[in-house]
Amino acid sequence: MYHTGPLKEPELCSANCTNVPVPIAVDKVEAIEETNEYLCRYTDEDHCQFTYVYYYDIERKLHIRAQQERTCPPEIFVLGIVFGVIAAIVLIGMAILLLWKLLTTIHDRREFARFEKERMLAKWDTGENPIYKQATSTFKNPTYAGKG
């Protein structure tokens, strides 16, 4: 009926399934307890599930009713998931970098403002550094009587 499984070829099925009747296709399968029906579910190689009911009548003849359409799980778009995860990792990384850049910029501006404030309050001339000494010096030697 679904053309799946090891006997999916019509020749194999007709040769091996001589005592099995052709299933009756129905939209929805439900077991009726009065006729001692057995509800079965089977998952095939495509991971689709089909449901059928079988029972034996008074003459011990097998009857099968099967759901017309298989119930298949939705296909998962693996490539979309992979790209989504990669994009999420990249976006999170960029957000962390932008946050770090923002915090360092704020910190640097505060530090520069503090430096400017200290420079304005300095007691020395802002054009000269009090720590700096020139490399060349002039010395007067009182014992030297040379011409000079």
C-alpha atoms as a PDB file:
ATOM      1  CA  MET A   1       0.000   0.000   0.000  1.00  0.00           C
ATOM      2  CA  TYR A   2       2.802   2.442   0.882  1.00  0.00           C
ATOM      3  CA  HIS A   3       5.465   0.792  -1.293  1.00  0.00           C
ATOM      4  CA  THR A   4       8.076   0.773   1.480  1.00  0.00           C
ATOM      5  CA  GLY A   5      10.025  -1.916   3.291  1.00  0.00           C
ATOM      6  CA  PRO A   6      11.823  -5.018   2.035  1.00  0.00           C
ATOM      7  CA  LEU A   7       8.825  -6.144  -0.097  1.00  0.00           C
ATOM      8  CA  LYS A   8       8.159  -2.814  -1.784  1.00  0.00           C
ATOM      9  CA  GLU A   9       8.578  -4.213  -5.297  1.00  0.00           C
ATOM     10  CA  PRO A  10       5.209  -5.451  -6.649  1.00  0.00           C
ATOM     11  CA  GLU A  11       6.709  -8.761  -7.807  1.00  0.00           C
ATOM     12  CA  LEU A  12       8.174  -9.535  -4.376  1.00  0.00           C
ATOM     13  CA  CYS A  13       4.988  -8.598  -2.574  1.00  0.00           C
ATOM     14  CA  SER A  14       2.710 -10.681  -4.787  1.00  0.00           C
ATOM     15  CA  ALA A  15       5.069 -13.672  -4.545  1.00  0.00           C
ATOM     16  CA  ASN A  16       5.487 -13.564  -0.737  1.00  0.00           C
ATOM     17  CA  CYS A  17       2.171 -12.179   0.480  1.00  0.00           C
ATOM     18  CA  THR A  18      -0.272 -14.712  -0.955  1.00  0.00           C
ATOM     19  CA  ASN A  19      -2.240 -15.248   2.277  1.00  0.00           C
ATOM     20  CA  VAL A  20      -2.455 -11.527   3.185  1.00  0.00           C
ATOM     21  CA  PRO A  21      -5.442  -9.606   1.820  1.00  0.00           C
ATOM     22  CA  VAL A  22      -5.119  -6.174   0.236  1.00  0.00           C
ATOM     23  CA  PRO A  23      -5.652  -3.571   2.965  1.00  0.00           C
ATOM     24  CA  ILE A  24      -8.680  -1.307   2.825  1.00  0.00           C
ATOM     25  CA  ALA A  25      -7.583   2.354   2.836  1.00  0.00           C
ATOM     26  CA  VAL A  26      -9.358   4.653   5.297  1.00  0.00           C
ATOM     27  CA  ASP A  27      -8.735   8.254   6.353  1.00  0.00           C
ATOM     28  CA  LYS A  28      -8.461   7.553  10.088  1.00  0.00           C
ATOM     29  CA  VAL A  29      -7.896   4.199  11.716  1.00  0.00           C
ATOM     30  CA  GLU A  30      -9.616   3.325  14.981  1.00  0.00           C
ATOM     31  CA  ALA A  31      -9.940  -0.092  16.570  1.00  0.00           C
ATOM     32  CA  ILE A  32     -13.432  -1.416  17.254  1.00  0.00           C
ATOM     33  CA  GLU A  33     -13.430  -3.547  20.397  1.00  0.00           C
ATOM     34  CA  GLU A  34     -16.569  -5.539  19.491  1.00  0.00           C
ATOM     35  CA  THR A  35     -14.811  -7.201  16.560  1.00  0.00           C
ATOM     36  CA  ASN A  36     -11.548  -7.743  18.497  1.00  0.00           C
ATOM     37  CA  GLU A  37      -9.516  -5.490  16.240  1.00  0.00           C
ATOM     38  CA  TYR A  38      -5.860  -4.879  16.993  1.00  0.00           C
ATOM     39  CA  LEU A  39      -4.406  -1.422  16.417  1.00  0.00           C
ATOM     40  CA  CYS A  40      -0.797  -1.399  15.193  1.00  0.00           C
ATOM     41  CA  ARG A  41       1.676   1.345  14.400  1.00  0.00           C
ATOM     42  CA  TYR A  42       4.826   0.880  12.386  1.00  0.00           C
ATOM     43  CA  THR A  43       7.699   3.223  11.536  1.00  0.00           C
ATOM     44  CA  ASP A  44       9.374   2.710   8.173  1.00  0.00           C
ATOM     45  CA  GLU A  45      12.845   3.572   6.885  1.00  0.00           C
ATOM     46  CA  ASP A  46      11.749   7.153   6.088  1.00  0.00           C
ATOM     47  CA  HIS A  47      10.827   7.642   9.778  1.00  0.00           C
ATOM     48  CA  CYS A  48       7.198   7.894   8.726  1.00  0.00           C
ATOM     49  CA  GLN A  49       4.559   6.176  10.813  1.00  0.00           C
ATOM     50  CA  PHE A  50       1.582   4.338   9.463  1.00  0.00           C
ATOM     51  CA  THR A  51      -1.297   2.881  11.404  1.00  0.00           C
ATOM     52  CA  TYR A  52      -3.394  -0.147  10.598  1.00  0.00           C
ATOM     53  CA  VAL A  53      -5.991  -2.379  12.221  1.00  0.00           C
ATOM     54  CA  TYR A  54      -6.340  -6.095  11.663  1.00  0.00           C
ATOM     55  CA  TYR A  55      -8.869  -8.629  12.848  1.00  0.00           C
ATOM     56  CA  TYR A  56     -10.077 -12.126  12.063  1.00  0.00           C
ATOM     57  CA  ASP A  57     -13.721 -12.727  11.278  1.00  0.00           C
ATOM     58  CA  ILE A  58     -15.786 -15.764  12.277  1.00  0.00           C
ATOM     59  CA  GLU A  59     -14.370 -17.800   9.395  1.00  0.00           C
ATOM     60  CA  ARG A  60     -10.793 -16.977  10.587  1.00  0.00           C
ATOM     61  CA  LYS A  61     -10.257 -14.792   7.565  1.00  0.00           C
ATOM     62  CA  LEU A  62      -7.839 -11.869   8.013  1.00  0.00           C
ATOM     63  CA  HIS A  63      -9.089  -8.315   7.381  1.00  0.00           C
ATOM     64  CA  ILE A  64      -6.853  -5.227   7.349  1.00  0.00           C
ATOM     65  CA  ARG A  65      -7.771  -1.547   7.389  1.00  0.00           C
ATOM     66  CA  ALA A  66      -4.891   0.874   6.963  1.00  0.00           C
ATOM     67  CA  GLN A  67      -4.549   4.622   7.185  1.00  0.00           C
ATOM     68  CA  GLN A  68      -4.394   6.003   3.664  1.00  0.00           C
ATOM     69  CA  GLU A  69      -1.546   8.483   4.269  1.00  0.00           C
ATOM     70  CA  ARG A  70       1.559   7.912   6.329  1.00  0.00           C
ATOM     71  CA  THR A  71       2.261  10.359   9.151  1.00  0.00           C
ATOM     72  CA  CYS A  72       5.716  11.763   8.508  1.00  0.00           C
ATOM     73  CA  PRO A  73       7.617  14.115  10.822  1.00  0.00           C
ATOM     74  CA  PRO A  74       8.422  17.515   9.356  1.00  0.00           C
ATOM     75  CA  GLU A  75      11.760  17.666   7.601  1.00  0.00           C
ATOM     76  CA  ILE A  76      14.447  19.504   9.496  1.00  0.00           C
ATOM     77  CA  PHE A  77      16.330  22.143   7.541  1.00  0.00           C
ATOM     78  CA  VAL A  78      19.810  21.308   8.862  1.00  0.00           C
ATOM     79  CA  LEU A  79      21.614  23.922   6.781  1.00  0.00           C
ATOM     80  CA  GLY A  80      19.371  26.641   8.194  1.00  0.00           C
ATOM     81  CA  ILE A  81      20.078  25.494  11.743  1.00  0.00           C
ATOM     82  CA  VAL A  82      23.841  25.449  11.108  1.00  0.00           C
ATOM     83  CA  PHE A  83      23.828  28.924   9.558  1.00  0.00           C
ATOM     84  CA  GLY A  84      21.563  30.193  12.339  1.00  0.00           C
ATOM     85  CA  VAL A  85      23.934  28.945  15.039  1.00  0.00           C
ATOM     86  CA  ILE A  86      26.949  30.429  13.246  1.00  0.00           C
ATOM     87  CA  ALA A  87      25.163  33.773  12.800  1.00  0.00           C
ATOM     88  CA  ALA A  88      24.119  33.792  16.460  1.00  0.00           C
ATOM     89  CA  ILE A  89      27.700  33.142  17.608  1.00  0.00           C
ATOM     90  CA  VAL A  90      29.053  35.903  15.348  1.00  0.00           C
ATOM     91  CA  LEU A  91      26.388  38.391  16.467  1.00  0.00           C
ATOM     92  CA  ILE A  92      26.937  37.627  20.144  1.00  0.00           C
ATOM     93  CA  GLY A  93      30.704  38.035  19.660  1.00  0.00           C
ATOM     94  CA  MET A  94      30.234  41.361  17.879  1.00  0.00           C
ATOM     95  CA  ALA A  95      27.859  42.556  20.606  1.00  0.00           C
ATOM     96  CA  ILE A  96      30.448  41.675  23.263  1.00  0.00           C
ATOM     97  CA  LEU A  97      33.178  43.497  21.303  1.00  0.00           C
ATOM     98  CA  LEU A  98      30.990  46.592  20.891  1.00  0.00           C
ATOM     99  CA  LEU A  99      30.155  46.569  24.597  1.00  0.00           C
ATOM    100  CA  TRP A 100      33.859  46.261  25.464  1.00  0.00           C
ATOM    101  CA  LYS A 101      34.703  49.134  23.087  1.00  0.00           C
ATOM    102  CA  LEU A 102      31.962  51.302  24.621  1.00  0.00           C
ATOM    103  CA  LEU A 103      33.161  50.621  28.173  1.00  0.00           C
ATOM    104  CA  THR A 104      36.819  51.332  27.329  1.00  0.00           C
ATOM    105  CA  THR A 105      35.838  54.563  25.534  1.00  0.00           C
ATOM    106  CA  ILE A 106      33.856  55.737  28.566  1.00  0.00           C
ATOM    107  CA  HIS A 107      36.741  54.824  30.879  1.00  0.00           C
ATOM    108  CA  ASP A 108      39.296  56.603  28.670  1.00  0.00           C
ATOM    109  CA  ARG A 109      37.181  59.775  28.478  1.00  0.00           C
ATOM    110  CA  ARG A 110      36.801  59.879  32.260  1.00  0.00           C
ATOM    111  CA  GLU A 111      40.525  59.356  32.716  1.00  0.00           C
ATOM    112  CA  PHE A 112      41.355  62.065  30.160  1.00  0.00           C
ATOM    113  CA  ALA A 113      38.941  64.489  31.852  1.00  0.00           C
ATOM    114  CA  ARG A 114      40.603  63.777  35.198  1.00  0.00           C
ATOM    115  CA  PHE A 115      44.022  64.390  33.598  1.00  0.00           C
ATOM    116  CA  GLU A 116      42.868  67.698  32.083  1.00  0.00           C
ATOM    117  CA  LYS A 117      41.463  68.794  35.442  1.00  0.00           C
ATOM    118  CA  GLU A 118      44.746  68.004  37.193  1.00  0.00           C
ATOM    119  CA  ARG A 119      46.682  69.862  34.520  1.00  0.00           C
ATOM    120  CA  MET A 120      44.524  72.962  34.989  1.00  0.00           C
ATOM    121  CA  LEU A 121      45.075  72.885  38.736  1.00  0.00           C
ATOM    122  CA  ALA A 122      48.859  72.548  38.406  1.00  0.00           C
ATOM    123  CA  LYS A 123      50.989  75.070  40.355  1.00  0.00           C
ATOM    124  CA  TRP A 124      53.749  75.285  37.792  1.00  0.00           C
ATOM    125  CA  ASP A 125      53.810  76.898  34.433  1.00  0.00           C
ATOM    126  CA  THR A 126      52.052  74.654  31.976  1.00  0.00           C
ATOM    127  CA  GLY A 127      54.713  75.348  29.354  1.00  0.00           C
ATOM    128  CA  GLU A 128      57.515  73.880  31.501  1.00  0.00           C
ATOM    129  CA  ASN A 129      57.822  70.564  33.205  1.00  0.00           C
ATOM    130  CA  PRO A 130      59.337  70.944  36.713  1.00  0.00           C
ATOM    131  CA  ILE A 131      60.875  67.490  36.591  1.00  0.00           C
ATOM    132  CA  TYR A 132      62.711  68.066  33.305  1.00  0.00           C
ATOM    133  CA  LYS A 133      66.338  69.268  33.456  1.00  0.00           C
ATOM    134  CA  GLN A 134      68.234  70.345  30.363  1.00  0.00           C
ATOM    135  CA  ALA A 135      70.999  68.075  29.177  1.00  0.00           C
ATOM    136  CA  THR A 136      73.644  70.831  28.833  1.00  0.00           C
ATOM    137  CA  SER A 137      74.822  72.817  31.833  1.00  0.00           C
ATOM    138  CA  THR A 138      77.316  75.624  32.366  1.00  0.00           C
ATOM    139  CA  PHE A 139      79.662  75.329  35.314  1.00  0.00           C
ATOM    140  CA  LYS A 140      82.026  77.985  36.742  1.00  0.00           C
ATOM    141  CA  ASN A 141      85.295  76.662  38.104  1.00  0.00           C
ATOM    142  CA  PRO A 142      86.749  79.223  40.597  1.00  0.00           C
ATOM    143  CA  THR A 143      90.223  77.665  40.593  1.00  0.00           C
ATOM    144  CA  TYR A 144      90.632  77.918  36.842  1.00  0.00           C
ATOM    145  CA  ALA A 145      92.410  81.054  35.891  1.00  0.00           C
ATOM    146  CA  GLY A 146      92.655  80.413  32.263  1.00  0.00           C
ATOM    147  CA  LYS A 147      91.880  82.733  29.564  1.00  0.00           C
ATOM    148  CA  GLY A 148      88.616  82.477  28.549  1.00  0.00           C
END
